[in-house]
Amino acid sequence: MIDGAGTQTVVLMGTGAATPTDTLSTTSLNFPPTIIGNSSAPLAVGISNTGDLPLTSIAASATGAFQVSSNCTTKLAANSSCSISVVFTPTQAGAQSGTLTISDIVNAGQKVSLNGSGALPPVGAKVQIVPAQVNFPTTGVGTASGAVSLTIMNSNDGTVLSDLSLSVSAGFKLVNNICGPSLPAGGACTTGVLFTPTSLGSQNGTFTVSSSALASNVTAHLSGIGYDFQVTVAGASTVTVSSSETASYTLGLAPSGGSPGTFAFQCGKLPSYAACTVNPSTENVAAGATGTEAVQITTGQATSAQVVPPSSAGGRALAFAVLTLPLAWRRRKLRFPIAVFAVLLLEFSGCSSSGGGSGGTPPSSPTTHSTPAGTYTVPVTVTSNGVQHAVTLTLVVD
């Protein structure tokens, strides 16, 4: 339209759009008590966008023992809603708290408080250690016993043993442990335990299984006896003998720690042509008692030596035949002298050939070698229950 003043008018039309919103359905989530190591049922926080434009860049995160289990997509259409779910997985008993943070294009971060409580397993919860008691064999102080295997069994239907920890008292040691940081319901794992006494006598200890999922620790009883002994020379430790004579010593044995002992003996390096004997070869000594052991060192040893005889049997037979043949000829009128000579010669030949043509294997007779004169030290090692001690004997050969 053109008016008299020459002005033109254009009509403009449009629709106003409301900005997106991010209204939360709650500002806190309160979870019911949850058994330690288990996860609660999810609780949700709703987000509503009542604007006319999409809500974008949506993200959510949680702290503490809480986890986001499901989330909205990063874009929420106009006039729609979605929900963010959170679960509670306590790792310890008692009240626990955290925060759910929700951010988007409208708000940098809205906060939702999260609250829950970790609960101990029900009274009927069972954890077993098999065996529940281990009696280790008597073990030498400063040594280690063989390993005994223990099995930890979580016989609960729904309780996870989280933060699983195994420990033993002083004097015992864990080995070959294949248990992890947690043990699922119905699961089992094993570890080995050694007895490593550092002192004498009876010792008691404990194998302990602990977990934040347990109202109290579970234990197994351990016991063993730390052992040692004393060995001394009863009487003279230095003995003088003539060569080829025998020197005698006596050892005293005394087990310690209130335990009996079984002893074994081993003589060390000996002088030339000497031999060591221990009687008896092993010795049992009762707890609180003492025992003795005889040790003898002989300074002469017999060996075999060949002695060559003056003549062989075949030679003697031939000489006898030569001397007696003329007499037989005269008295008996021997009709076949040549045949007799042939038989004797064959016998002589057989005797010679059986010795490889050297007159046969000569007989042997013992020859004794004497230990040279001098002063010698002979160590004797005594072993009992894994413990070794040694004494030194002095031998003088004049």
Protein backbone atom coordinates (compact mmCIF):
# COMPACT_ATOMS: atom_id res chain seq x y z
CA MET A 1 0.00 0.00 0.00
CA ILE A 2 1.23 3.38 -0.86
CA ASP A 3 0.03 6.33 1.19
CA GLY A 4 0.14 9.88 0.33
CA ALA A 5 3.47 10.38 1.98
CA GLY A 6 5.12 7.70 -0.11
CA THR A 7 5.83 5.18 2.76
CA GLN A 8 5.77 1.37 2.12
CA THR A 9 5.03 -1.21 4.92
CA VAL A 10 6.06 -5.00 5.10
CA VAL A 11 4.28 -7.25 7.62
CA LEU A 12 6.69 -9.62 9.57
CA MET A 13 5.47 -12.77 11.38
CA GLY A 14 7.33 -15.36 13.65
CA THR A 15 7.01 -17.72 16.63
CA GLY A 16 8.98 -17.34 19.86
CA ALA A 17 10.79 -20.56 21.12
CA ALA A 18 11.46 -21.23 24.77
CA THR A 19 15.07 -22.08 25.66
CA PRO A 20 15.84 -25.69 26.76
CA THR A 21 15.64 -26.62 30.45
CA ASP A 22 17.30 -29.32 32.58
CA THR A 23 15.03 -29.71 35.57
CA LEU A 24 16.04 -32.58 37.93
CA SER A 25 13.47 -34.79 39.63
CA THR A 26 15.39 -34.86 42.94
CA THR A 27 18.43 -33.41 44.63
CA SER A 28 19.34 -36.54 46.62
CA LEU A 29 19.26 -40.32 46.38
CA ASN A 30 19.15 -42.44 49.55
CA PHE A 31 20.07 -46.10 49.09
CA PRO A 32 18.94 -48.88 51.43
CA PRO A 33 21.61 -50.73 53.49
CA THR A 34 23.62 -52.94 51.12
CA ILE A 35 25.84 -55.91 51.99
CA ILE A 36 29.51 -55.08 51.60
CA GLY A 37 30.80 -56.16 48.20
CA ASN A 38 27.31 -56.34 46.69
CA SER A 39 25.57 -53.77 44.48
CA SER A 40 22.23 -52.18 45.31
CA ALA A 41 19.25 -51.90 43.01
CA PRO A 42 19.59 -48.75 40.85
CA LEU A 43 17.96 -45.46 41.83
CA ALA A 44 17.21 -42.84 39.16
CA VAL A 45 17.32 -39.08 38.73
CA GLY A 46 15.03 -37.69 36.04
CA ILE A 47 15.89 -34.74 33.73
CA SER A 48 13.11 -32.78 32.03
CA ASN A 49 13.50 -30.39 29.09
CA THR A 50 10.41 -28.20 28.92
CA GLY A 51 11.92 -25.83 26.39
CA ASP A 52 11.23 -25.66 22.72
CA LEU A 53 14.83 -26.46 21.76
CA PRO A 54 16.91 -29.68 22.39
CA LEU A 55 19.08 -29.97 25.50
CA THR A 56 22.56 -31.00 24.40
CA SER A 57 25.99 -32.04 25.86
CA ILE A 58 24.45 -34.09 28.65
CA ALA A 59 26.98 -35.97 30.87
CA ALA A 60 26.92 -37.52 34.36
CA SER A 61 29.50 -38.87 36.85
CA ALA A 62 29.45 -40.15 40.46
CA THR A 63 31.94 -40.25 43.32
CA GLY A 64 32.57 -42.54 46.29
CA ALA A 65 31.06 -46.03 46.36
CA PHE A 66 28.46 -45.00 43.75
CA GLN A 67 28.48 -45.64 40.01
CA VAL A 68 26.39 -44.40 37.09
CA SER A 69 24.76 -47.52 35.68
CA SER A 70 22.75 -45.92 32.84
CA ASN A 71 22.69 -42.44 31.39
CA CYS A 72 20.69 -40.20 29.10
CA THR A 73 22.03 -39.70 25.63
CA THR A 74 24.01 -36.55 25.08
CA LYS A 75 20.93 -34.86 23.48
CA LEU A 76 17.43 -34.54 24.95
CA ALA A 77 14.64 -33.41 22.60
CA ALA A 78 12.33 -30.50 23.39
CA ASN A 79 9.52 -31.20 25.82
CA SER A 80 10.87 -34.62 26.80
CA SER A 81 12.66 -36.29 29.71
CA CYS A 82 15.16 -39.05 30.48
CA SER A 83 16.69 -40.62 33.57
CA ILE A 84 20.13 -41.31 34.97
CA SER A 85 20.50 -44.44 37.14
CA VAL A 86 23.01 -44.91 39.99
CA VAL A 87 23.99 -48.02 42.00
CA PHE A 88 25.67 -48.29 45.41
CA THR A 89 28.49 -50.84 45.98
CA PRO A 90 29.83 -50.44 49.52
CA THR A 91 33.35 -51.56 50.36
CA GLN A 92 33.09 -51.10 54.10
CA ALA A 93 30.54 -51.09 56.85
CA GLY A 94 28.74 -47.92 57.89
CA ALA A 95 27.39 -44.75 56.28
CA GLN A 96 28.89 -43.64 52.97
CA SER A 97 28.19 -40.63 50.77
CA GLY A 98 28.98 -39.38 47.32
CA THR A 99 27.88 -36.92 44.66
CA LEU A 100 26.23 -37.26 41.27
CA THR A 101 27.18 -34.41 38.94
CA ILE A 102 25.05 -33.69 35.84
CA SER A 103 26.22 -31.19 33.25
CA ASP A 104 24.76 -29.97 29.94
CA ILE A 105 24.66 -26.92 27.68
CA VAL A 106 22.47 -25.02 30.14
CA ASN A 107 24.24 -25.83 33.43
CA ALA A 108 27.94 -26.60 33.98
CA GLY A 109 27.12 -29.04 36.78
CA GLN A 110 24.09 -29.76 38.92
CA LYS A 111 24.70 -31.78 42.08
CA VAL A 112 22.71 -34.67 43.53
CA SER A 113 23.79 -35.98 46.94
CA LEU A 114 24.15 -39.75 47.24
CA ASN A 115 23.84 -41.59 50.56
CA GLY A 116 24.07 -45.25 51.55
CA SER A 117 25.19 -47.63 54.28
CA GLY A 118 27.44 -50.70 54.00
CA ALA A 119 25.97 -53.68 55.84
CA LEU A 120 27.72 -56.73 57.27
CA PRO A 121 26.70 -60.15 55.96
CA PRO A 122 23.79 -61.85 57.66
CA VAL A 123 24.41 -63.88 60.80
CA GLY A 124 24.31 -67.08 58.78
CA ALA A 125 27.29 -66.09 56.61
CA LYS A 126 30.00 -68.78 56.65
CA VAL A 127 33.68 -68.76 55.75
CA GLN A 128 35.70 -71.92 56.42
CA ILE A 129 39.41 -72.68 56.61
CA VAL A 130 40.35 -76.29 55.92
CA PRO A 131 42.07 -77.64 57.92
CA ALA A 132 41.09 -75.51 60.90
CA GLN A 133 44.17 -76.68 62.86
CA VAL A 134 47.69 -77.51 61.69
CA ASN A 135 50.27 -79.25 63.88
CA PHE A 136 53.64 -78.93 62.18
CA PRO A 137 56.38 -81.54 62.69
CA THR A 138 59.27 -80.73 64.99
CA THR A 139 61.42 -78.27 63.06
CA GLY A 140 64.95 -77.03 63.65
CA VAL A 141 65.42 -73.46 64.81
CA GLY A 142 66.48 -71.35 61.84
CA THR A 143 65.07 -73.83 59.31
CA ALA A 144 61.65 -74.22 57.69
CA SER A 145 59.18 -77.08 57.70
CA GLY A 146 57.46 -78.39 54.61
CA ALA A 147 54.52 -76.34 53.37
CA VAL A 148 50.99 -77.22 54.49
CA SER A 149 48.15 -76.18 52.16
CA LEU A 150 45.13 -74.33 53.60
CA THR A 151 41.88 -73.77 51.70
CA ILE A 152 39.60 -70.76 52.27
CA MET A 153 35.99 -71.45 51.27
CA ASN A 154 33.29 -68.78 50.97
CA SER A 155 30.14 -70.85 51.41
CA ASN A 156 27.75 -67.90 51.31
CA ASP A 157 25.20 -67.62 48.53
CA GLY A 158 25.40 -63.89 48.02
CA THR A 159 28.37 -62.43 49.89
CA VAL A 160 31.59 -61.51 48.12
CA LEU A 161 34.65 -61.42 50.36
CA SER A 162 36.07 -58.11 49.21
CA ASP A 163 39.40 -56.68 50.42
CA LEU A 164 40.48 -60.24 51.23
CA SER A 165 43.60 -60.39 53.39
CA LEU A 166 45.55 -63.41 54.71
CA SER A 167 48.12 -63.27 57.50
CA VAL A 168 50.02 -65.52 59.94
CA SER A 169 51.62 -65.04 63.35
CA ALA A 170 55.37 -64.67 63.87
CA GLY A 171 57.20 -67.98 63.46
CA PHE A 172 55.07 -68.96 60.47
CA LYS A 173 55.18 -67.89 56.83
CA LEU A 174 52.78 -67.72 53.87
CA VAL A 175 53.93 -69.33 50.61
CA ASN A 176 52.32 -70.23 47.29
CA ASN A 177 49.35 -67.92 47.92
CA ILE A 178 46.94 -67.98 44.96
CA CYS A 179 44.11 -66.09 46.70
CA GLY A 180 43.22 -62.80 45.03
CA PRO A 181 41.92 -59.54 46.53
CA SER A 182 38.38 -60.90 46.66
CA LEU A 183 36.63 -64.26 46.89
CA PRO A 184 33.24 -64.67 45.20
CA ALA A 185 30.27 -66.33 46.86
CA GLY A 186 30.69 -70.09 46.68
CA GLY A 187 34.37 -69.71 45.73
CA ALA A 188 37.54 -71.14 47.25
CA CYS A 189 41.27 -70.47 47.09
CA THR A 190 44.42 -71.94 48.65
CA THR A 191 47.67 -70.85 50.24
CA GLY A 192 50.62 -72.62 51.82
CA VAL A 193 51.98 -72.07 55.33
CA LEU A 194 55.47 -72.89 56.66
CA PHE A 195 56.66 -73.25 60.24
CA THR A 196 59.85 -71.20 60.65
CA PRO A 197 60.80 -71.29 64.35
CA THR A 198 63.31 -68.80 65.67
CA SER A 199 63.28 -70.12 69.24
CA LEU A 200 63.10 -73.41 71.12
CA GLY A 201 60.03 -75.18 72.42
CA SER A 202 56.30 -75.30 71.70
CA GLN A 203 54.95 -72.43 69.63
CA ASN A 204 51.38 -71.47 68.76
CA GLY A 205 50.14 -69.14 66.09
CA THR A 206 47.15 -68.12 64.01
CA PHE A 207 46.30 -68.07 60.33
CA THR A 208 43.83 -65.20 59.82
CA VAL A 209 41.36 -64.42 57.03
CA SER A 210 40.03 -60.87 57.12
CA SER A 211 37.61 -59.01 54.85
CA SER A 212 35.46 -55.91 55.06
CA ALA A 213 32.54 -58.25 54.30
CA LEU A 214 33.06 -60.16 57.55
CA ALA A 215 31.70 -59.17 60.93
CA SER A 216 34.87 -60.72 62.46
CA ASN A 217 38.03 -62.42 61.25
CA VAL A 218 38.13 -66.15 60.60
CA THR A 219 41.14 -68.03 62.00
CA ALA A 220 42.89 -71.41 61.99
CA HIS A 221 45.20 -72.60 64.78
CA LEU A 222 48.89 -73.28 64.03
CA SER A 223 51.38 -75.07 66.30
CA GLY A 224 54.85 -76.56 66.19
CA ILE A 225 57.98 -77.24 68.24
CA GLY A 226 61.24 -75.39 67.64
CA TYR A 227 64.13 -77.84 67.98
CA ASP A 228 67.87 -77.78 68.51
CA PHE A 229 70.48 -80.00 70.14
CA GLN A 230 73.96 -79.98 71.62
CA VAL A 231 76.76 -82.33 70.66
CA THR A 232 79.94 -82.54 72.75
CA VAL A 233 82.98 -84.78 73.04
CA ALA A 234 82.61 -86.78 76.24
CA GLY A 235 86.14 -87.39 77.39
CA ALA A 236 89.30 -86.68 75.42
CA SER A 237 88.91 -85.03 72.05
CA THR A 238 92.57 -85.77 71.25
CA VAL A 239 93.69 -89.41 71.13
CA THR A 240 97.22 -90.67 70.39
CA VAL A 241 97.77 -94.12 68.87
CA SER A 242 100.48 -95.99 67.06
CA SER A 243 100.05 -96.57 63.38
CA SER A 244 97.63 -99.44 62.61
CA GLU A 245 95.89 -98.98 65.97
CA THR A 246 92.37 -97.65 66.56
CA ALA A 247 91.51 -94.36 68.29
CA SER A 248 88.22 -94.29 70.23
CA TYR A 249 86.09 -91.24 71.05
CA THR A 250 82.70 -90.73 72.71
CA LEU A 251 80.16 -88.07 71.69
CA GLY A 252 77.47 -86.72 74.00
CA LEU A 253 74.05 -85.89 72.52
CA ALA A 254 71.38 -83.72 74.18
CA PRO A 255 68.19 -82.67 72.32
CA SER A 256 66.66 -79.31 73.33
CA GLY A 257 63.21 -77.81 73.17
CA GLY A 258 61.41 -80.63 74.97
CA SER A 259 61.49 -82.92 71.97
CA PRO A 260 63.19 -86.26 71.28
CA GLY A 261 65.83 -86.47 68.58
CA THR A 262 66.97 -88.95 65.96
CA PHE A 263 70.64 -88.44 65.11
CA ALA A 264 72.69 -89.34 62.04
CA PHE A 265 76.48 -89.05 61.74
CA GLN A 266 79.01 -88.36 59.00
CA CYS A 267 82.80 -88.37 59.38
CA GLY A 268 84.69 -85.78 57.36
CA LYS A 269 88.06 -85.98 55.65
CA LEU A 270 90.33 -88.71 57.01
CA PRO A 271 94.12 -89.19 56.78
CA SER A 272 95.56 -91.74 54.39
CA TYR A 273 94.67 -95.39 55.05
CA ALA A 274 92.31 -94.45 57.91
CA ALA A 275 88.68 -95.49 58.33
CA CYS A 276 85.94 -94.04 60.55
CA THR A 277 83.10 -96.05 62.07
CA VAL A 278 80.21 -94.80 64.20
CA ASN A 279 78.28 -97.15 66.46
CA PRO A 280 75.33 -97.24 66.28
CA SER A 281 74.88 -95.69 62.83
CA THR A 282 71.82 -93.74 64.07
CA GLU A 283 70.83 -92.82 67.61
CA ASN A 284 67.45 -92.02 69.19
CA VAL A 285 67.44 -89.88 72.32
CA ALA A 286 64.28 -89.21 74.35
CA ALA A 287 63.14 -85.70 75.29
CA GLY A 288 65.03 -84.44 78.31
CA ALA A 289 67.55 -87.29 78.11
CA THR A 290 71.13 -87.52 76.88
CA GLY A 291 72.76 -90.09 74.64
CA THR A 292 76.27 -91.23 73.75
CA GLU A 293 77.82 -92.30 70.49
CA ALA A 294 81.08 -94.22 69.92
CA VAL A 295 83.38 -93.06 67.13
CA GLN A 296 86.41 -95.12 66.14
CA ILE A 297 89.17 -94.16 63.71
CA THR A 298 91.34 -97.04 62.52
CA THR A 299 94.78 -96.02 61.28
CA GLY A 300 95.62 -99.08 59.16
CA GLN A 301 93.75 -100.43 56.16
CA ALA A 302 94.23 -103.80 54.43
CA THR A 303 94.48 -104.10 50.64
CA SER A 304 94.96 -107.22 48.41
CA ALA A 305 98.43 -107.92 47.01
CA GLN A 306 99.40 -110.67 44.56
CA VAL A 307 101.93 -113.24 45.71
CA VAL A 308 103.55 -115.25 42.94
CA PRO A 309 104.18 -118.97 43.95
CA PRO A 310 107.53 -120.66 43.17
CA SER A 311 106.00 -123.04 40.59
CA SER A 312 102.66 -123.85 39.02
CA ALA A 313 100.62 -126.99 39.64
CA GLY A 314 101.14 -128.05 36.04
CA GLY A 315 104.91 -127.83 36.42
CA ARG A 316 104.84 -129.99 39.53
CA ALA A 317 102.73 -132.61 37.74
CA LEU A 318 105.13 -132.74 34.83
CA ALA A 319 108.17 -133.11 37.08
CA PHE A 320 106.47 -135.92 39.00
CA ALA A 321 105.67 -137.72 35.74
CA VAL A 322 109.24 -137.46 34.50
CA LEU A 323 110.60 -138.93 37.72
CA THR A 324 108.12 -141.78 38.01
CA LEU A 325 107.83 -142.83 34.40
CA PRO A 326 111.02 -144.96 34.25
CA LEU A 327 109.99 -146.76 37.42
CA ALA A 328 106.59 -147.53 35.94
CA TRP A 329 108.27 -148.77 32.80
CA ARG A 330 110.45 -151.22 34.65
CA ARG A 331 107.82 -152.51 37.13
CA ARG A 332 104.73 -152.63 35.05
CA LYS A 333 106.15 -152.98 31.59
CA LEU A 334 104.09 -149.96 30.51
CA ARG A 335 102.91 -150.68 27.01
CA PHE A 336 102.06 -147.13 25.93
CA PRO A 337 104.67 -144.69 27.39
CA ILE A 338 104.17 -142.22 24.57
CA ALA A 339 100.44 -141.94 25.28
CA VAL A 340 101.11 -141.27 28.98
CA PHE A 341 103.53 -138.49 28.11
CA ALA A 342 100.97 -136.98 25.77
CA VAL A 343 98.30 -136.87 28.46
CA LEU A 344 100.66 -135.21 30.94
CA LEU A 345 101.76 -132.66 28.40
CA LEU A 346 98.13 -131.78 27.61
CA GLU A 347 97.40 -131.30 31.32
CA PHE A 348 100.39 -129.02 31.69
CA SER A 349 99.38 -127.06 28.60
CA GLY A 350 95.83 -126.58 29.96
CA CYS A 351 97.07 -125.26 33.29
CA SER A 352 99.33 -122.79 31.58
CA SER A 353 96.74 -121.56 29.06
CA SER A 354 94.10 -120.94 31.76
CA GLY A 355 96.32 -118.14 33.12
CA GLY A 356 96.76 -116.50 29.74
CA GLY A 357 100.09 -118.26 29.20
CA SER A 358 101.62 -116.77 32.35
CA GLY A 359 101.22 -119.62 34.75
CA GLY A 360 97.58 -118.84 35.91
CA THR A 361 96.16 -116.21 38.34
CA PRO A 362 98.26 -116.17 41.47
CA PRO A 363 96.44 -116.14 44.82
CA SER A 364 96.23 -112.92 46.84
CA SER A 365 96.93 -112.14 50.45
CA PRO A 366 96.07 -108.97 52.43
CA THR A 367 98.62 -106.23 52.84
CA THR A 368 98.14 -103.58 55.53
CA HIS A 369 99.02 -99.92 54.83
CA SER A 370 99.63 -97.80 57.88
CA THR A 371 98.57 -94.17 58.34
CA PRO A 372 101.64 -91.92 58.34
CA ALA A 373 102.70 -90.37 61.63
CA GLY A 374 101.28 -86.93 62.27
CA THR A 375 98.49 -84.91 63.86
CA TYR A 376 95.13 -84.86 62.08
CA THR A 377 91.75 -83.18 62.65
CA VAL A 378 88.64 -85.13 61.72
CA PRO A 379 85.26 -83.31 61.65
CA VAL A 380 82.15 -85.31 62.56
CA THR A 381 78.82 -83.84 61.41
CA VAL A 382 75.70 -84.68 63.43
CA THR A 383 72.23 -84.10 61.92
CA SER A 384 68.85 -84.19 63.67
CA ASN A 385 65.46 -82.79 62.55
CA GLY A 386 67.08 -80.69 59.86
CA VAL A 387 69.66 -79.16 62.24
CA GLN A 388 73.38 -79.79 61.77
CA HIS A 389 76.22 -79.35 64.27
CA ALA A 390 79.81 -80.55 63.99
CA VAL A 391 82.58 -81.47 66.42
CA THR A 392 86.26 -81.82 65.66
CA LEU A 393 88.28 -84.84 66.80
CA THR A 394 92.07 -84.74 66.93
CA LEU A 395 94.02 -87.86 65.96
CA VAL A 396 97.73 -88.16 66.72
CA VAL A 397 99.61 -91.02 65.04
CA ASP A 398 103.10 -91.57 66.45
